């Protein structure tokens, strides 16, 4: 089975959108996505990139197109729960460390489903530790236990290493995919990648 590495940080709305369509995509094409948890802010810093809301701020046509293009994707895939979070930008450091904890303990997708809903459906300020813990608990996950483990030095170092490795491999943003040693960026890559399976 073809495996696609997916660089993921819940800070990216496009990362969220890709995550939502991946289950059907995996079934359709008989592929598997391997989530590589990283820190988008770190990728931007190390690659000398900026988030679209900053880099496109003085380019109105491009800034506005970003919204149009997301709405098209949402409509195409019927992602009716998606909405922009009024608390954005949100510091996702703790959430991403929590994702590594979940990955180590074998419940990564359940964890991502939870934080994805909090960030991009329920409009919660998931950068607030108390809000995050409460949300995880309400999702049936052990919020306190997960967040406690995010202070583990190994977890912290793993996030740093994943982020550095992503940039060294050519990444400059999220979502980024690696397929057969080739890099694909953006959710539009989901349409392009089948030609390379």
Protein backbone atom coordinates (compact mmCIF):
# COMPACT_ATOMS: atom_id res chain seq x y z
CA UNK A 1 0.00 0.00 0.00
CA UNK A 2 1.23 3.48 -0.87
CA UNK A 3 2.03 5.60 2.19
CA UNK A 4 1.90 9.40 2.09
CA UNK A 5 3.61 11.43 4.79
CA UNK A 6 1.36 14.30 5.91
CA UNK A 7 3.00 17.19 7.76
CA UNK A 8 0.32 18.34 10.16
CA UNK A 9 -0.35 21.22 12.52
CA UNK A 10 -3.95 21.99 13.54
CA UNK A 11 -3.03 25.71 13.28
CA UNK A 12 -3.57 25.44 9.52
CA UNK A 13 -7.18 25.61 8.35
CA UNK A 14 -6.06 23.84 5.19
CA UNK A 15 -4.49 21.13 7.34
CA UNK A 16 -7.87 20.70 9.00
CA UNK A 17 -9.63 20.51 5.64
CA UNK A 18 -7.23 17.86 4.38
CA UNK A 19 -7.65 15.86 7.58
CA UNK A 20 -11.41 15.82 7.10
CA UNK A 21 -11.26 14.37 3.59
CA UNK A 22 -8.41 11.90 4.16
CA UNK A 23 -10.58 8.95 5.36
CA UNK A 24 -12.56 8.90 2.10
CA UNK A 25 -9.40 9.59 0.10
CA UNK A 26 -7.65 6.59 1.65
CA UNK A 27 -10.57 4.33 0.73
CA UNK A 28 -10.87 5.68 -2.80
CA UNK A 29 -7.22 5.30 -3.70
CA UNK A 30 -6.15 2.48 -1.32
CA UNK A 31 -3.42 4.63 0.23
CA UNK A 32 -2.48 5.43 3.80
CA UNK A 33 -1.54 8.80 5.30
CA UNK A 34 1.16 8.87 7.95
CA UNK A 35 0.77 12.00 10.10
CA UNK A 36 4.02 13.76 10.93
CA UNK A 37 3.28 16.14 13.81
CA UNK A 38 5.22 19.38 13.52
CA UNK A 39 4.94 23.05 14.46
CA UNK A 40 3.83 25.34 11.66
CA UNK A 41 5.29 28.44 13.30
CA UNK A 42 8.64 26.68 13.50
CA UNK A 43 8.44 25.67 9.83
CA UNK A 44 7.71 29.28 8.87
CA UNK A 45 10.62 30.56 10.94
CA UNK A 46 13.14 28.00 9.72
CA UNK A 47 12.10 28.34 6.07
CA UNK A 48 11.82 32.16 6.18
CA UNK A 49 8.13 31.94 5.26
CA UNK A 50 5.12 33.84 6.62
CA UNK A 51 1.49 32.81 7.10
CA UNK A 52 -0.88 33.98 4.32
CA UNK A 53 -2.67 36.44 6.60
CA UNK A 54 0.64 38.32 6.90
CA UNK A 55 2.29 37.70 3.54
CA UNK A 56 -0.88 38.52 1.59
CA UNK A 57 -2.06 41.40 3.76
CA UNK A 58 -0.95 44.01 1.21
CA UNK A 59 -2.15 42.02 -1.80
CA UNK A 60 -5.95 42.32 -1.56
CA UNK A 61 -6.72 40.18 -4.60
CA UNK A 62 -4.58 37.31 -3.33
CA UNK A 63 -5.81 37.70 0.25
CA UNK A 64 -9.44 37.55 -0.90
CA UNK A 65 -8.78 34.57 -3.16
CA UNK A 66 -7.61 32.58 -0.14
CA UNK A 67 -11.16 32.80 1.23
CA UNK A 68 -12.77 31.96 -2.12
CA UNK A 69 -10.59 28.90 -2.60
CA UNK A 70 -11.38 27.56 0.88
CA UNK A 71 -15.11 28.03 0.30
CA UNK A 72 -14.87 26.01 -2.92
CA UNK A 73 -13.13 23.14 -1.13
CA UNK A 74 -15.65 23.23 1.71
CA UNK A 75 -18.57 23.14 -0.73
CA UNK A 76 -17.04 20.38 -2.86
CA UNK A 77 -16.48 18.10 0.12
CA UNK A 78 -19.59 19.20 2.06
CA UNK A 79 -17.58 20.22 5.13
CA UNK A 80 -20.50 22.14 6.55
CA UNK A 81 -19.13 22.35 10.10
CA UNK A 82 -16.03 24.33 9.10
CA UNK A 83 -15.78 27.93 10.27
CA UNK A 84 -12.95 30.36 10.92
CA UNK A 85 -12.00 30.65 14.56
CA UNK A 86 -12.39 34.22 15.91
CA UNK A 87 -9.50 33.54 18.30
CA UNK A 88 -7.11 32.91 15.39
CA UNK A 89 -4.13 32.89 15.39
CA UNK A 90 -3.91 30.40 18.24
CA UNK A 91 -0.70 29.06 19.72
CA UNK A 92 -0.84 25.33 19.00
CA UNK A 93 2.37 24.28 20.77
CA UNK A 94 0.61 22.37 23.57
CA UNK A 95 -1.90 20.82 21.16
CA UNK A 96 0.87 19.60 18.89
CA UNK A 97 2.82 18.14 21.79
CA UNK A 98 -0.44 16.51 22.84
CA UNK A 99 -0.72 15.03 19.36
CA UNK A 100 2.69 13.40 19.82
CA UNK A 101 1.51 11.97 23.16
CA UNK A 102 -1.60 10.62 21.44
CA UNK A 103 0.50 9.19 18.62
CA UNK A 104 2.78 7.41 21.07
CA UNK A 105 -0.19 6.02 22.99
CA UNK A 106 -2.11 4.90 19.89
CA UNK A 107 -5.05 7.29 19.66
CA UNK A 108 -3.75 10.02 17.34
CA UNK A 109 -6.72 10.22 14.98
CA UNK A 110 -9.23 10.41 17.85
CA UNK A 111 -7.13 13.19 19.36
CA UNK A 112 -6.87 15.11 16.08
CA UNK A 113 -10.61 14.71 15.49
CA UNK A 114 -11.16 16.30 18.89
CA UNK A 115 -8.83 19.28 18.53
CA UNK A 116 -9.94 19.79 14.92
CA UNK A 117 -13.53 20.17 16.07
CA UNK A 118 -12.54 22.56 18.83
CA UNK A 119 -10.42 24.72 16.54
CA UNK A 120 -12.32 24.79 13.27
CA UNK A 121 -15.91 23.90 14.14
CA UNK A 122 -16.65 24.99 17.72
CA UNK A 123 -14.64 28.25 17.61
CA UNK A 124 -12.95 27.54 20.95
CA UNK A 125 -9.76 29.21 22.14
CA UNK A 126 -7.84 25.95 22.15
CA UNK A 127 -4.61 27.74 23.02
CA UNK A 128 -5.98 28.13 26.55
CA UNK A 129 -4.90 25.06 28.56
CA UNK A 130 -8.12 24.92 30.60
CA UNK A 131 -10.27 25.14 27.46
CA UNK A 132 -8.16 22.47 25.79
CA UNK A 133 -8.34 20.07 28.74
CA UNK A 134 -12.10 20.56 29.09
CA UNK A 135 -12.63 19.99 25.39
CA UNK A 136 -10.54 16.80 25.39
CA UNK A 137 -12.41 15.51 28.43
CA UNK A 138 -15.75 16.15 26.72
CA UNK A 139 -14.45 14.22 23.72
CA UNK A 140 -13.89 11.18 25.91
CA UNK A 141 -10.12 11.69 26.15
CA UNK A 142 -8.14 12.16 29.35
CA UNK A 143 -7.27 15.82 28.97
CA UNK A 144 -5.30 16.29 32.17
CA UNK A 145 -3.21 13.19 31.58
CA UNK A 146 -2.43 14.13 27.98
CA UNK A 147 -1.43 17.70 28.82
CA UNK A 148 0.67 16.54 31.76
CA UNK A 149 2.70 14.36 29.37
CA UNK A 150 3.33 17.32 27.02
CA UNK A 151 6.00 18.57 29.43
CA UNK A 152 8.07 15.42 28.89
CA UNK A 153 11.47 16.46 27.46
CA UNK A 154 11.28 13.63 24.89
CA UNK A 155 7.96 14.93 23.59
CA UNK A 156 9.31 18.46 23.35
CA UNK A 157 12.43 17.30 21.52
CA UNK A 158 10.38 15.12 19.15
CA UNK A 159 8.33 18.13 18.04
CA UNK A 160 11.49 20.16 17.45
CA UNK A 161 13.09 17.34 15.48
CA UNK A 162 9.98 16.70 13.36
CA UNK A 163 9.81 20.40 12.53
CA UNK A 164 13.49 20.65 11.65
CA UNK A 165 13.34 17.45 9.59
CA UNK A 166 10.32 18.79 7.70
CA UNK A 167 12.17 21.94 6.66
CA UNK A 168 15.32 19.99 5.81
CA UNK A 169 13.17 17.83 3.52
CA UNK A 170 11.89 20.94 1.72
CA UNK A 171 8.75 21.95 3.62
CA UNK A 172 7.76 25.58 4.02
CA UNK A 173 4.17 25.26 5.21
CA UNK A 174 1.23 23.00 6.08
CA UNK A 175 -0.31 20.96 4.58
CA UNK A 176 2.73 19.35 2.98
CA UNK A 177 2.83 15.80 1.68
CA UNK A 178 5.70 13.52 0.75
CA UNK A 179 5.03 10.75 -1.74
CA UNK A 180 7.79 8.58 -3.23
CA UNK A 181 10.41 11.17 -2.25
CA UNK A 182 8.48 13.96 -3.95
CA UNK A 183 7.05 16.96 -2.13
CA UNK A 184 3.51 18.28 -2.62
CA UNK A 185 2.17 21.39 -0.91
CA UNK A 186 -1.37 22.60 -0.28
CA UNK A 187 -4.71 20.85 -0.27
CA UNK A 188 -4.80 21.08 -4.06
CA UNK A 189 -2.08 18.41 -4.01
CA UNK A 190 -4.76 15.87 -3.10
CA UNK A 191 -5.99 16.12 -6.71
CA UNK A 192 -2.48 15.89 -8.15
CA UNK A 193 -0.99 13.04 -6.13
CA UNK A 194 -2.96 10.13 -7.67
CA UNK A 195 -0.93 10.58 -10.84
CA UNK A 196 2.16 9.64 -8.80
CA UNK A 197 0.85 6.57 -6.96
